[in-house]
Amino acid sequence: MKKKVIIVIAAAILLLALFTPIKSSVNDGGTTVYSAILYKVIIWHQIDYHIPGGFKTGTEIHFFPNNFHDLEYYTK
């Protein structure tokens, strides 16, 4: 019984580590990036004079294994 409890606790800690995001801000107009091991969420607010209004806005979600690229990769 004690072994099952330890396995459940270890699995919960592993899942927590895989899904806990780290927030970072980019100095390009206000883009925010949330990165975890299994996903990356990019909330765009980037200065772009080619777009009406002057800002690229929107939200992108990238899942493993495509979440390890630099932000420059996603702007293309």
PDB file of N, CA and C in Angstrom:
ATOM      1  N   MET A   1       0.824  -1.192   0.000  1.00  0.00           N
ATOM      2  CA  MET A   1       0.000   0.000   0.000  1.00  0.00           C
ATOM      3  C   MET A   1       0.868   1.255   0.000  1.00  0.00           C
ATOM      4  N   LYS A   2       1.930   1.250   0.780  1.00  0.00           N
ATOM      5  CA  LYS A   2       2.809   2.410   0.860  1.00  0.00           C
ATOM      6  C   LYS A   2       3.521   2.650  -0.469  1.00  0.00           C
ATOM      7  N   LYS A   3       3.844   1.582  -1.197  1.00  0.00           N
ATOM      8  CA  LYS A   3       4.522   1.704  -2.485  1.00  0.00           C
ATOM      9  C   LYS A   3       3.617   2.388  -3.507  1.00  0.00           C
ATOM     10  N   LYS A   4       2.318   2.101  -3.478  1.00  0.00           N
ATOM     11  CA  LYS A   4       1.373   2.725  -4.399  1.00  0.00           C
ATOM     12  C   LYS A   4       1.260   4.225  -4.134  1.00  0.00           C
ATOM     13  N   VAL A   5       1.275   4.603  -2.882  1.00  0.00           N
ATOM     14  CA  VAL A   5       1.194   6.021  -2.525  1.00  0.00           C
ATOM     15  C   VAL A   5       2.429   6.757  -3.023  1.00  0.00           C
ATOM     16  N   ILE A   6       3.576   6.169  -2.890  1.00  0.00           N
ATOM     17  CA  ILE A   6       4.827   6.787  -3.359  1.00  0.00           C
ATOM     18  C   ILE A   6       4.803   6.934  -4.870  1.00  0.00           C
ATOM     19  N   ILE A   7       4.297   5.946  -5.584  1.00  0.00           N
ATOM     20  CA  ILE A   7       4.220   6.021  -7.039  1.00  0.00           C
ATOM     21  C   ILE A   7       3.261   7.122  -7.474  1.00  0.00           C
ATOM     22  N   VAL A   8       2.138   7.244  -6.813  1.00  0.00           N
ATOM     23  CA  VAL A   8       1.168   8.289  -7.147  1.00  0.00           C
ATOM     24  C   VAL A   8       1.749   9.670  -6.878  1.00  0.00           C
ATOM     25  N   ILE A   9       2.428   9.837  -5.777  1.00  0.00           N
ATOM     26  CA  ILE A   9       3.044  11.133  -5.453  1.00  0.00           C
ATOM     27  C   ILE A   9       4.144  11.469  -6.459  1.00  0.00           C
ATOM     28  N   ALA A  10       4.955  10.492  -6.841  1.00  0.00           N
ATOM     29  CA  ALA A  10       6.021  10.722  -7.822  1.00  0.00           C
ATOM     30  C   ALA A  10       5.429  11.090  -9.180  1.00  0.00           C
ATOM     31  N   ALA A  11       4.342  10.435  -9.583  1.00  0.00           N
ATOM     32  CA  ALA A  11       3.698  10.759 -10.855  1.00  0.00           C
ATOM     33  C   ALA A  11       3.114  12.168 -10.823  1.00  0.00           C
ATOM     34  N   ALA A  12       2.535  12.561  -9.711  1.00  0.00           N
ATOM     35  CA  ALA A  12       1.977  13.906  -9.584  1.00  0.00           C
ATOM     36  C   ALA A  12       3.070  14.972  -9.669  1.00  0.00           C
ATOM     37  N   ILE A  13       4.193  14.717  -9.029  1.00  0.00           N
ATOM     38  CA  ILE A  13       5.316  15.670  -9.091  1.00  0.00           C
ATOM     39  C   ILE A  13       5.862  15.755 -10.505  1.00  0.00           C
ATOM     40  N   LEU A  14       5.958  14.639 -11.205  1.00  0.00           N
ATOM     41  CA  LEU A  14       6.436  14.627 -12.589  1.00  0.00           C
ATOM     42  C   LEU A  14       5.496  15.414 -13.493  1.00  0.00           C
ATOM     43  N   LEU A  15       4.199  15.196 -13.372  1.00  0.00           N
ATOM     44  CA  LEU A  15       3.238  15.947 -14.182  1.00  0.00           C
ATOM     45  C   LEU A  15       3.279  17.433 -13.873  1.00  0.00           C
ATOM     46  N   LEU A  16       3.444  17.770 -12.622  1.00  0.00           N
ATOM     47  CA  LEU A  16       3.559  19.171 -12.238  1.00  0.00           C
ATOM     48  C   LEU A  16       4.783  19.815 -12.886  1.00  0.00           C
ATOM     49  N   ALA A  17       5.887  19.099 -12.915  1.00  0.00           N
ATOM     50  CA  ALA A  17       7.106  19.625 -13.534  1.00  0.00           C
ATOM     51  C   ALA A  17       6.945  19.775 -15.046  1.00  0.00           C
ATOM     52  N   LEU A  18       6.209  18.880 -15.675  1.00  0.00           N
ATOM     53  CA  LEU A  18       6.033  18.938 -17.123  1.00  0.00           C
ATOM     54  C   LEU A  18       5.097  20.060 -17.560  1.00  0.00           C
ATOM     55  N   PHE A  19       4.136  20.421 -16.727  1.00  0.00           N
ATOM     56  CA  PHE A  19       3.124  21.393 -17.115  1.00  0.00           C
ATOM     57  C   PHE A  19       3.279  22.771 -16.487  1.00  0.00           C
ATOM     58  N   THR A  20       4.231  22.982 -15.594  1.00  0.00           N
ATOM     59  CA  THR A  20       4.414  24.280 -14.952  1.00  0.00           C
ATOM     60  C   THR A  20       5.123  25.242 -15.914  1.00  0.00           C
ATOM     61  N   PRO A  21       4.467  26.357 -16.273  1.00  0.00           N
ATOM     62  CA  PRO A  21       5.087  27.285 -17.228  1.00  0.00           C
ATOM     63  C   PRO A  21       6.017  28.294 -16.556  1.00  0.00           C
ATOM     64  N   ILE A  22       6.926  28.794 -17.364  1.00  0.00           N
ATOM     65  CA  ILE A  22       7.812  29.883 -16.967  1.00  0.00           C
ATOM     66  C   ILE A  22       7.471  31.067 -17.856  1.00  0.00           C
ATOM     67  N   LYS A  23       7.133  32.192 -17.250  1.00  0.00           N
ATOM     68  CA  LYS A  23       6.735  33.382 -17.997  1.00  0.00           C
ATOM     69  C   LYS A  23       7.960  34.202 -18.359  1.00  0.00           C
ATOM     70  N   SER A  24       7.980  34.666 -19.614  1.00  0.00           N
ATOM     71  CA  SER A  24       9.026  35.590 -20.042  1.00  0.00           C
ATOM     72  C   SER A  24       8.405  36.644 -20.940  1.00  0.00           C
ATOM     73  N   SER A  25       8.927  37.848 -20.847  1.00  0.00           N
ATOM     74  CA  SER A  25       8.456  38.959 -21.669  1.00  0.00           C
ATOM     75  C   SER A  25       9.524  39.318 -22.672  1.00  0.00           C
ATOM     76  N   VAL A  26       9.079  39.743 -23.838  1.00  0.00           N
ATOM     77  CA  VAL A  26       9.990  40.113 -24.913  1.00  0.00           C
ATOM     78  C   VAL A  26       9.854  41.612 -25.140  1.00  0.00           C
ATOM     79  N   ASN A  27      10.965  42.286 -25.337  1.00  0.00           N
ATOM     80  CA  ASN A  27      10.967  43.738 -25.524  1.00  0.00           C
ATOM     81  C   ASN A  27      10.759  44.063 -27.006  1.00  0.00           C
ATOM     82  N   ASP A  28       9.592  43.656 -27.538  1.00  0.00           N
ATOM     83  CA  ASP A  28       9.276  43.937 -28.936  1.00  0.00           C
ATOM     84  C   ASP A  28       7.922  44.608 -29.073  1.00  0.00           C
ATOM     85  N   GLY A  29       7.397  45.104 -27.995  1.00  0.00           N
ATOM     86  CA  GLY A  29       6.097  45.746 -28.005  1.00  0.00           C
ATOM     87  C   GLY A  29       5.171  45.168 -26.958  1.00  0.00           C
ATOM     88  N   GLY A  30       5.558  44.056 -26.333  1.00  0.00           N
ATOM     89  CA  GLY A  30       4.746  43.486 -25.273  1.00  0.00           C
ATOM     90  C   GLY A  30       4.415  42.019 -25.414  1.00  0.00           C
ATOM     91  N   THR A  31       5.125  41.284 -26.236  1.00  0.00           N
ATOM     92  CA  THR A  31       4.880  39.853 -26.398  1.00  0.00           C
ATOM     93  C   THR A  31       5.227  39.125 -25.106  1.00  0.00           C
ATOM     94  N   THR A  32       4.363  38.179 -24.713  1.00  0.00           N
ATOM     95  CA  THR A  32       4.576  37.366 -23.528  1.00  0.00           C
ATOM     96  C   THR A  32       4.636  35.902 -23.941  1.00  0.00           C
ATOM     97  N   VAL A  33       5.595  35.165 -23.373  1.00  0.00           N
ATOM     98  CA  VAL A  33       5.779  33.754 -23.701  1.00  0.00           C
ATOM     99  C   VAL A  33       5.708  32.944 -22.415  1.00  0.00           C
ATOM    100  N   TYR A  34       4.876  31.898 -22.429  1.00  0.00           N
ATOM    101  CA  TYR A  34       4.795  30.943 -21.327  1.00  0.00           C
ATOM    102  C   TYR A  34       5.353  29.624 -21.842  1.00  0.00           C
ATOM    103  N   SER A  35       6.476  29.170 -21.261  1.00  0.00           N
ATOM    104  CA  SER A  35       7.138  27.954 -21.727  1.00  0.00           C
ATOM    105  C   SER A  35       7.153  26.895 -20.642  1.00  0.00           C
ATOM    106  N   ALA A  36       6.791  25.686 -21.021  1.00  0.00           N
ATOM    107  CA  ALA A  36       6.901  24.522 -20.157  1.00  0.00           C
ATOM    108  C   ALA A  36       7.593  23.434 -20.974  1.00  0.00           C
ATOM    109  N   ILE A  37       7.820  22.294 -20.381  1.00  0.00           N
ATOM    110  CA  ILE A  37       8.503  21.220 -21.092  1.00  0.00           C
ATOM    111  C   ILE A  37       7.630  20.666 -22.220  1.00  0.00           C
ATOM    112  N   LEU A  38       6.331  20.627 -22.030  1.00  0.00           N
ATOM    113  CA  LEU A  38       5.446  20.019 -23.015  1.00  0.00           C
ATOM    114  C   LEU A  38       4.738  21.005 -23.938  1.00  0.00           C
ATOM    115  N   TYR A  39       4.824  22.311 -23.680  1.00  0.00           N
ATOM    116  CA  TYR A  39       4.122  23.271 -24.523  1.00  0.00           C
ATOM    117  C   TYR A  39       4.745  24.655 -24.415  1.00  0.00           C
ATOM    118  N   LYS A  40       4.342  25.521 -25.347  1.00  0.00           N
ATOM    119  CA  LYS A  40       4.732  26.938 -25.332  1.00  0.00           C
ATOM    120  C   LYS A  40       3.531  27.740 -25.809  1.00  0.00           C
ATOM    121  N   VAL A  41       3.153  28.768 -25.053  1.00  0.00           N
ATOM    122  CA  VAL A  41       2.075  29.671 -25.428  1.00  0.00           C
ATOM    123  C   VAL A  41       2.694  31.041 -25.673  1.00  0.00           C
ATOM    124  N   ILE A  42       2.437  31.585 -26.870  1.00  0.00           N
ATOM    125  CA  ILE A  42       2.948  32.907 -27.234  1.00  0.00           C
ATOM    126  C   ILE A  42       1.763  33.837 -27.396  1.00  0.00           C
ATOM    127  N   ILE A  43       1.750  34.906 -26.615  1.00  0.00           N
ATOM    128  CA  ILE A  43       0.719  35.933 -26.732  1.00  0.00           C
ATOM    129  C   ILE A  43       1.388  37.123 -27.413  1.00  0.00           C
ATOM    130  N   TRP A  44       1.117  37.263 -28.707  1.00  0.00           N
ATOM    131  CA  TRP A  44       1.786  38.268 -29.516  1.00  0.00           C
ATOM    132  C   TRP A  44       1.241  39.660 -29.266  1.00  0.00           C
ATOM    133  N   HIS A  45       2.128  40.600 -29.168  1.00  0.00           N
ATOM    134  CA  HIS A  45       1.852  42.038 -29.230  1.00  0.00           C
ATOM    135  C   HIS A  45       3.153  42.674 -29.685  1.00  0.00           C
ATOM    136  N   GLN A  46       3.443  42.449 -30.966  1.00  0.00           N
ATOM    137  CA  GLN A  46       4.725  42.805 -31.546  1.00  0.00           C
ATOM    138  C   GLN A  46       4.551  43.968 -32.517  1.00  0.00           C
ATOM    139  N   ILE A  47       5.453  44.928 -32.463  1.00  0.00           N
ATOM    140  CA  ILE A  47       5.415  46.061 -33.371  1.00  0.00           C
ATOM    141  C   ILE A  47       5.734  45.575 -34.775  1.00  0.00           C
ATOM    142  N   ASP A  48       4.821  45.876 -35.708  1.00  0.00           N
ATOM    143  CA  ASP A  48       5.002  45.506 -37.112  1.00  0.00           C
ATOM    144  C   ASP A  48       4.284  46.549 -37.953  1.00  0.00           C
ATOM    145  N   TYR A  49       5.049  47.380 -38.649  1.00  0.00           N
ATOM    146  CA  TYR A  49       4.466  48.484 -39.399  1.00  0.00           C
ATOM    147  C   TYR A  49       3.819  48.041 -40.706  1.00  0.00           C
ATOM    148  N   HIS A  50       3.994  46.779 -41.096  1.00  0.00           N
ATOM    149  CA  HIS A  50       3.375  46.271 -42.313  1.00  0.00           C
ATOM    150  C   HIS A  50       1.932  45.830 -42.086  1.00  0.00           C
ATOM    151  N   ILE A  51       1.508  45.750 -40.846  1.00  0.00           N
ATOM    152  CA  ILE A  51       0.152  45.333 -40.485  1.00  0.00           C
ATOM    153  C   ILE A  51      -0.646  46.584 -40.123  1.00  0.00           C
ATOM    154  N   PRO A  52      -1.881  46.695 -40.605  1.00  0.00           N
ATOM    155  CA  PRO A  52      -2.698  47.853 -40.202  1.00  0.00           C
ATOM    156  C   PRO A  52      -2.864  47.900 -38.684  1.00  0.00           C
ATOM    157  N   GLY A  53      -2.644  49.043 -38.115  1.00  0.00           N
ATOM    158  CA  GLY A  53      -2.697  49.214 -36.667  1.00  0.00           C
ATOM    159  C   GLY A  53      -1.317  49.207 -36.046  1.00  0.00           C
ATOM    160  N   GLY A  54      -0.322  48.677 -36.756  1.00  0.00           N
ATOM    161  CA  GLY A  54       1.058  48.722 -36.300  1.00  0.00           C
ATOM    162  C   GLY A  54       1.487  47.615 -35.363  1.00  0.00           C
ATOM    163  N   PHE A  55       0.597  46.662 -35.014  1.00  0.00           N
ATOM    164  CA  PHE A  55       0.958  45.593 -34.092  1.00  0.00           C
ATOM    165  C   PHE A  55       0.482  44.237 -34.607  1.00  0.00           C
ATOM    166  N   LYS A  56       1.329  43.241 -34.452  1.00  0.00           N
ATOM    167  CA  LYS A  56       0.915  41.858 -34.681  1.00  0.00           C
ATOM    168  C   LYS A  56       0.356  41.355 -33.353  1.00  0.00           C
ATOM    169  N   THR A  57      -0.889  40.907 -33.358  1.00  0.00           N
ATOM    170  CA  THR A  57      -1.505  40.420 -32.132  1.00  0.00           C
ATOM    171  C   THR A  57      -2.067  39.021 -32.367  1.00  0.00           C
ATOM    172  N   GLY A  58      -2.261  38.303 -31.295  1.00  0.00           N
ATOM    173  CA  GLY A  58      -2.839  36.969 -31.373  1.00  0.00           C
ATOM    174  C   GLY A  58      -2.182  36.034 -30.374  1.00  0.00           C
ATOM    175  N   THR A  59      -2.639  34.786 -30.387  1.00  0.00           N
ATOM    176  CA  THR A  59      -2.134  33.778 -29.474  1.00  0.00           C
ATOM    177  C   THR A  59      -1.795  32.511 -30.260  1.00  0.00           C
ATOM    178  N   GLU A  60      -0.653  31.928 -29.969  1.00  0.00           N
ATOM    179  CA  GLU A  60      -0.234  30.675 -30.590  1.00  0.00           C
ATOM    180  C   GLU A  60       0.114  29.674 -29.501  1.00  0.00           C
ATOM    181  N   ILE A  61      -0.218  28.412 -29.749  1.00  0.00           N
ATOM    182  CA  ILE A  61       0.138  27.331 -28.836  1.00  0.00           C
ATOM    183  C   ILE A  61       0.934  26.296 -29.621  1.00  0.00           C
ATOM    184  N   HIS A  62       2.106  25.937 -29.114  1.00  0.00           N
ATOM    185  CA  HIS A  62       2.962  24.945 -29.752  1.00  0.00           C
ATOM    186  C   HIS A  62       3.240  23.832 -28.751  1.00  0.00           C
ATOM    187  N   PHE A  63       3.044  22.585 -29.202  1.00  0.00           N
ATOM    188  CA  PHE A  63       3.216  21.432 -28.333  1.00  0.00           C
ATOM    189  C   PHE A  63       4.531  20.724 -28.619  1.00  0.00           C
ATOM    190  N   PHE A  64       4.950  19.890 -27.688  1.00  0.00           N
ATOM    191  CA  PHE A  64       6.163  19.091 -27.798  1.00  0.00           C
ATOM    192  C   PHE A  64       6.133  18.296 -29.086  1.00  0.00           C
ATOM    193  N   PRO A  65       7.157  18.233 -29.857  1.00  0.00           N
ATOM    194  CA  PRO A  65       8.524  18.710 -29.723  1.00  0.00           C
ATOM    195  C   PRO A  65       8.788  20.045 -30.403  1.00  0.00           C
ATOM    196  N   ASN A  66       7.751  20.701 -30.927  1.00  0.00           N
ATOM    197  CA  ASN A  66       7.929  21.960 -31.654  1.00  0.00           C
ATOM    198  C   ASN A  66       7.944  23.180 -30.754  1.00  0.00           C
ATOM    199  N   ASN A  67       8.118  23.002 -29.467  1.00  0.00           N
ATOM    200  CA  ASN A  67       8.077  24.142 -28.556  1.00  0.00           C
ATOM    201  C   ASN A  67       9.464  24.602 -28.098  1.00  0.00           C
ATOM    202  N   PHE A  68      10.514  24.056 -28.642  1.00  0.00           N
ATOM    203  CA  PHE A  68      11.857  24.392 -28.180  1.00  0.00           C
ATOM    204  C   PHE A  68      12.583  25.391 -29.078  1.00  0.00           C
ATOM    205  N   HIS A  69      11.897  25.960 -30.062  1.00  0.00           N
ATOM    206  CA  HIS A  69      12.524  26.916 -30.970  1.00  0.00           C
ATOM    207  C   HIS A  69      12.583  28.299 -30.328  1.00  0.00           C
ATOM    208  N   ASP A  70      13.474  29.132 -30.885  1.00  0.00           N
ATOM    209  CA  ASP A  70      13.525  30.533 -30.480  1.00  0.00           C
ATOM    210  C   ASP A  70      12.299  31.256 -31.008  1.00  0.00           C
ATOM    211  N   LEU A  71      12.031  32.431 -30.470  1.00  0.00           N
ATOM    212  CA  LEU A  71      10.871  33.203 -30.893  1.00  0.00           C
ATOM    213  C   LEU A  71      10.991  33.652 -32.341  1.00  0.00           C
ATOM    214  N   GLU A  72      12.192  33.835 -32.834  1.00  0.00           N
ATOM    215  CA  GLU A  72      12.412  34.217 -34.228  1.00  0.00           C
ATOM    216  C   GLU A  72      11.869  33.161 -35.185  1.00  0.00           C
ATOM    217  N   TYR A  73      11.915  31.909 -34.808  1.00  0.00           N
ATOM    218  CA  TYR A  73      11.408  30.814 -35.647  1.00  0.00           C
ATOM    219  C   TYR A  73       9.915  30.959 -35.872  1.00  0.00           C
ATOM    220  N   TYR A  74       9.174  31.399 -34.887  1.00  0.00           N
ATOM    221  CA  TYR A  74       7.727  31.504 -34.991  1.00  0.00           C
ATOM    222  C   TYR A  74       7.265  32.760 -35.703  1.00  0.00           C
ATOM    223  N   THR A  75       8.126  33.741 -35.891  1.00  0.00           N
ATOM    224  CA  THR A  75       7.730  34.977 -36.575  1.00  0.00           C
ATOM    225  C   THR A  75       7.735  34.810 -38.081  1.00  0.00           C
ATOM    226  N   LYS A  76       8.327  33.761 -38.589  1.00  0.00           N
ATOM    227  CA  LYS A  76       8.407  33.541 -40.046  1.00  0.00           C
ATOM    228  C   LYS A  76       7.124  33.013 -40.602  1.00  0.00           C
TER     229      LYS A  76
END
